[in-house]
Each structure stands twice: as structure tokens, then as C-alpha cells.
Amino acid sequence: MLAEAVLFASDKPVPLKTLQRAIGTRSPDKVRKIVEMLKQEYSGRAVEIVELEGDRFFMRLRPDIMNIVKRYTRRKVLPHGVLKTLATIAYYQPLPLSTLAAIRGKDAYRQLKILVERGLVETEKKGRTSLLRTTSLFADFFGIENNPNAVKSLIEKMIASQDESSIKHALKPVKRDGSVAHRHSQEKEDGR
């Protein structure tokens, strides 16, 4: 019962050791048996318990029904602008902070702070700037492998299933060197 409560209350994956402390046992096998029983109890329901890399467990909505449920709930995990910033970082990672600021404007710093606090983005100091990348929590949340190609592929699939014109405005083109491509020069290339 305590393992289920901890998994339910957590908004991020719970390490095996945390579950051991909550249950009051030193035995990882005991915790694994409890989690396995919970997985079976939740089998076929809207909620599932998944084991993630690094001996972590997460209770979440099944991915196949998440898109349906999103249409009927009003609770947003992150504000729209923060989501755009997250999408930009995820798509172009590793992305220099200076490039993010050029793409997303002065609000990028505040939005980045939120993303770092939530554990979705990490920063690595590189010279005068910082490089931004998504974290393993980001990958876990979306149920994908934690590598830039898998993240980019997921975003491209999401773009294909959405109205492309609204998403194109969210992600300004970035050149291979990390600098921002100017919109009017990009439009000339596109023949507009």
C-alpha cells in the first residue's frame, strides 16, 4: 500500500531505494515483488506502472489513452510559452543558451529556469555560454530513449500530426553552427 501511494503521489520516477525506505525494508527483491503485484493489479487499466532504466519506477497514464484524455482535462503541466521553449531545446539539442535567447526572446531565461527546476532540461557550461539538453526525466515522461535523435523523431511525428503552420512559428530555423537563421532569408529560400 505504501509503495502504491509513493508512486501515485510522485510526479517523476521513483528510485528503488526510495521505495525501500518508504516500505521499511532493505530487500530490493521484496520491493520488486510488491511493484510486480501492483503492475498486475493495474494491468488493463488506464494507469500503468513502468520500470525505467536505473531501477526507477513510474506510475502514469497509458500512452495509448493519454492523447484522448488531454482533450478533456484543463490542467496544463507547463504554460504554453514554456512548452515552446522546451520543444526548441529538445529539437535542436545541444543548444547554446545564447541561441535559445535569440530564438525565444528575453523570456527564455525565465522559462529555462522553470524547465531546469522541473528536471526536464540540464545545462552544461561551455565557454561563455551554456549548452542545453533534455534530461532522462524528459525522455521518461514521453516514453522514449534518452538521445537527441529519438527526441527529434518524436517531435517530427508530433508536428506531422498537428497543424504545421502553428508549430513552424514556434520553432525558428537554426543553422548547423547553432546560430539563428533569419526568417526573411529562410522565406526567400522557400520561395515566399
Protein backbone atom coordinates (compact mmCIF):
# COMPACT_ATOMS: atom_id res chain seq x y z
CA MET A 1 0.00 0.00 0.00
CA LEU A 2 2.83 2.46 0.81
CA ALA A 3 4.67 1.70 -2.44
CA GLU A 4 1.49 2.40 -4.40
CA ALA A 5 0.94 5.67 -2.50
CA VAL A 6 4.50 6.86 -3.15
CA LEU A 7 4.24 6.01 -6.87
CA PHE A 8 0.86 7.70 -7.15
CA ALA A 9 1.96 10.90 -5.38
CA SER A 10 5.24 11.31 -7.28
CA ASP A 11 5.34 13.40 -10.45
CA LYS A 12 8.62 11.79 -11.51
CA PRO A 13 10.15 8.29 -11.47
CA VAL A 14 10.81 6.87 -8.01
CA PRO A 15 14.14 5.11 -7.36
CA LEU A 16 14.07 1.59 -5.89
CA LYS A 17 15.92 2.80 -2.78
CA THR A 18 13.20 5.40 -2.10
CA LEU A 19 10.56 2.67 -2.23
CA GLN A 20 12.69 0.54 0.11
CA ARG A 21 12.79 3.39 2.66
CA ALA A 22 9.04 4.01 2.32
CA ILE A 23 8.20 0.35 2.92
CA GLY A 24 10.82 -0.01 5.63
CA THR A 25 12.86 -2.80 4.09
CA ARG A 26 16.42 -3.30 2.94
CA SER A 27 15.40 -6.00 0.49
CA PRO A 28 15.23 -4.82 -3.13
CA ASP A 29 13.63 -8.18 -4.02
CA LYS A 30 10.72 -7.51 -1.65
CA VAL A 31 10.11 -4.13 -3.27
CA ARG A 32 10.30 -5.66 -6.76
CA LYS A 33 7.69 -8.29 -5.77
CA ILE A 34 5.37 -5.59 -4.44
CA VAL A 35 5.80 -3.49 -7.59
CA GLU A 36 5.21 -6.58 -9.77
CA MET A 37 1.95 -7.27 -7.89
CA LEU A 38 0.92 -3.65 -8.42
CA LYS A 39 1.75 -3.90 -12.14
CA GLN A 40 -0.55 -6.93 -12.41
CA GLU A 41 -3.34 -5.16 -10.49
CA TYR A 42 -3.13 -2.18 -12.85
CA SER A 43 -2.90 -4.35 -15.98
CA GLY A 44 -5.60 -3.35 -18.46
CA ARG A 45 -6.47 -0.14 -16.58
CA ALA A 46 -5.95 3.47 -17.62
CA VAL A 47 -2.94 3.77 -15.30
CA GLU A 48 0.19 1.65 -15.53
CA ILE A 49 3.39 1.21 -13.55
CA VAL A 50 6.54 1.02 -15.65
CA GLU A 51 10.11 0.20 -14.72
CA LEU A 52 12.66 2.60 -16.16
CA GLU A 53 16.39 2.46 -16.65
CA GLY A 54 18.37 2.78 -13.41
CA ASP A 55 15.99 0.85 -11.09
CA ARG A 56 13.27 3.51 -11.16
CA PHE A 57 9.50 3.09 -11.27
CA PHE A 58 6.82 5.42 -12.57
CA MET A 59 3.03 5.44 -12.38
CA ARG A 60 1.49 7.11 -15.41
CA LEU A 61 -1.45 7.13 -17.79
CA ARG A 62 -1.07 4.57 -20.54
CA PRO A 63 0.36 6.33 -23.62
CA ASP A 64 -2.41 4.97 -25.89
CA ILE A 65 -5.10 6.87 -23.97
CA MET A 66 -3.12 9.94 -22.92
CA ASN A 67 -3.96 11.88 -26.11
CA ILE A 68 -7.67 11.21 -25.65
CA VAL A 69 -7.62 12.30 -22.02
CA LYS A 70 -5.70 15.51 -22.80
CA ARG A 71 -8.68 16.80 -24.78
CA TYR A 72 -10.94 16.64 -21.72
CA THR A 73 -8.69 17.96 -18.98
CA ARG A 74 -7.83 21.59 -18.42
CA ARG A 75 -4.81 21.11 -16.21
CA LYS A 76 -1.65 22.08 -18.06
CA VAL A 77 1.66 20.72 -16.92
CA LEU A 78 3.54 23.73 -18.28
CA PRO A 79 2.43 27.09 -19.68
CA HIS A 80 2.34 27.38 -23.48
CA GLY A 81 5.47 29.58 -23.75
CA VAL A 82 7.49 27.22 -21.55
CA LEU A 83 6.40 24.29 -23.73
CA LYS A 84 7.59 26.14 -26.83
CA THR A 85 10.96 26.72 -25.18
CA LEU A 86 11.16 23.05 -24.18
CA ALA A 87 10.32 21.98 -27.74
CA THR A 88 13.02 24.28 -29.12
CA ILE A 89 15.66 22.87 -26.76
CA ALA A 90 14.57 19.28 -27.41
CA TYR A 91 14.61 19.68 -31.19
CA TYR A 92 17.93 21.49 -31.54
CA GLN A 93 19.87 19.99 -28.62
CA PRO A 94 22.58 20.50 -27.63
CA LEU A 95 21.55 24.14 -27.97
CA PRO A 96 23.65 27.09 -26.78
CA LEU A 97 21.80 29.32 -24.31
CA SER A 98 22.63 32.37 -26.42
CA THR A 99 20.90 30.76 -29.42
CA LEU A 100 17.84 29.90 -27.33
CA ALA A 101 17.62 33.53 -26.20
CA ALA A 102 17.88 34.69 -29.83
CA ILE A 103 15.10 32.31 -30.87
CA ARG A 104 12.70 32.65 -27.94
CA GLY A 105 13.46 36.17 -26.71
CA LYS A 106 14.13 37.55 -23.24
CA ASP A 107 11.52 35.29 -21.60
CA ALA A 108 13.72 32.30 -22.46
CA TYR A 109 15.78 32.78 -19.29
CA ARG A 110 12.72 32.65 -17.01
CA GLN A 111 11.26 29.72 -18.95
CA LEU A 112 14.58 27.85 -18.83
CA LYS A 113 14.68 28.29 -15.05
CA ILE A 114 11.26 26.58 -14.81
CA LEU A 115 12.40 23.72 -17.04
CA VAL A 116 15.59 23.17 -15.04
CA GLU A 117 13.64 23.26 -11.74
CA ARG A 118 11.22 20.65 -13.11
CA GLY A 119 14.15 18.44 -14.10
CA LEU A 120 13.31 18.44 -17.83
CA VAL A 121 16.39 20.34 -19.05
CA GLU A 122 20.01 20.37 -17.93
CA THR A 123 22.71 22.93 -18.58
CA GLU A 124 26.41 22.37 -19.16
CA LYS A 125 28.84 25.29 -19.02
CA LYS A 126 30.70 25.61 -22.33
CA GLY A 127 32.96 28.65 -22.64
CA ARG A 128 30.95 31.83 -22.22
CA THR A 129 27.60 30.15 -22.70
CA SER A 130 25.83 27.01 -21.56
CA LEU A 131 24.68 24.08 -23.66
CA LEU A 132 21.11 22.96 -23.06
CA ARG A 133 19.87 19.36 -23.30
CA THR A 134 16.80 17.45 -22.25
CA THR A 135 17.17 15.07 -19.32
CA SER A 136 16.36 11.42 -18.76
CA LEU A 137 13.20 12.59 -16.94
CA PHE A 138 12.08 14.29 -20.17
CA ALA A 139 12.68 11.03 -22.06
CA ASP A 140 10.88 9.02 -19.36
CA PHE A 141 7.92 11.38 -19.44
CA PHE A 142 7.49 10.88 -23.19
CA GLY A 143 8.40 7.18 -23.08
CA ILE A 144 11.35 7.48 -25.46
CA GLU A 145 15.04 6.70 -25.46
CA ASN A 146 17.18 9.49 -24.00
CA ASN A 147 19.08 10.55 -27.11
CA PRO A 148 18.69 13.61 -29.37
CA ASN A 149 17.72 11.58 -32.46
CA ALA A 150 14.84 9.82 -30.66
CA VAL A 151 13.64 13.16 -29.25
CA LYS A 152 13.83 14.85 -32.67
CA SER A 153 11.95 11.94 -34.25
CA LEU A 154 9.17 12.23 -31.63
CA ILE A 155 8.85 15.97 -32.24
CA GLU A 156 8.70 15.45 -36.01
CA LYS A 157 5.90 12.89 -35.53
CA MET A 158 4.04 15.35 -33.29
CA ILE A 159 4.47 18.10 -35.88
CA ALA A 160 3.14 15.81 -38.62
CA SER A 161 0.03 15.11 -36.57
CA GLN A 162 -0.60 18.79 -35.74
CA ASP A 163 -1.26 21.92 -37.75
CA GLU A 164 2.23 22.59 -39.11
CA SER A 165 1.76 26.32 -39.56
CA SER A 166 1.32 26.95 -35.84
CA ILE A 167 4.34 24.83 -34.94
CA LYS A 168 6.59 26.40 -37.61
CA HIS A 169 6.21 29.74 -35.83
CA ALA A 170 7.25 28.15 -32.54
CA LEU A 171 10.50 26.75 -33.93
CA LYS A 172 12.57 29.23 -35.88
CA PRO A 173 15.21 27.63 -38.12
CA VAL A 174 18.65 27.16 -36.58
CA LYS A 175 21.77 26.78 -38.70
CA ARG A 176 24.19 23.89 -38.15
CA ASP A 177 26.60 26.20 -36.32
CA GLY A 178 23.91 26.97 -33.73
CA SER A 179 23.11 30.49 -34.94
CA VAL A 180 19.58 31.56 -35.75
CA ALA A 181 18.56 31.67 -39.41
CA HIS A 182 16.75 34.89 -40.15
CA ARG A 183 13.10 34.40 -41.07
CA HIS A 184 13.15 36.56 -44.24
CA SER A 185 16.20 34.78 -45.68
CA GLN A 186 14.54 31.45 -44.93
CA GLU A 187 11.37 32.63 -46.67
CA LYS A 188 13.42 33.55 -49.77
CA GLU A 189 14.83 30.02 -49.83
CA ASP A 190 11.29 28.63 -49.55
CA GLY A 191 10.23 30.86 -52.49
CA ARG A 192 7.90 33.12 -50.46
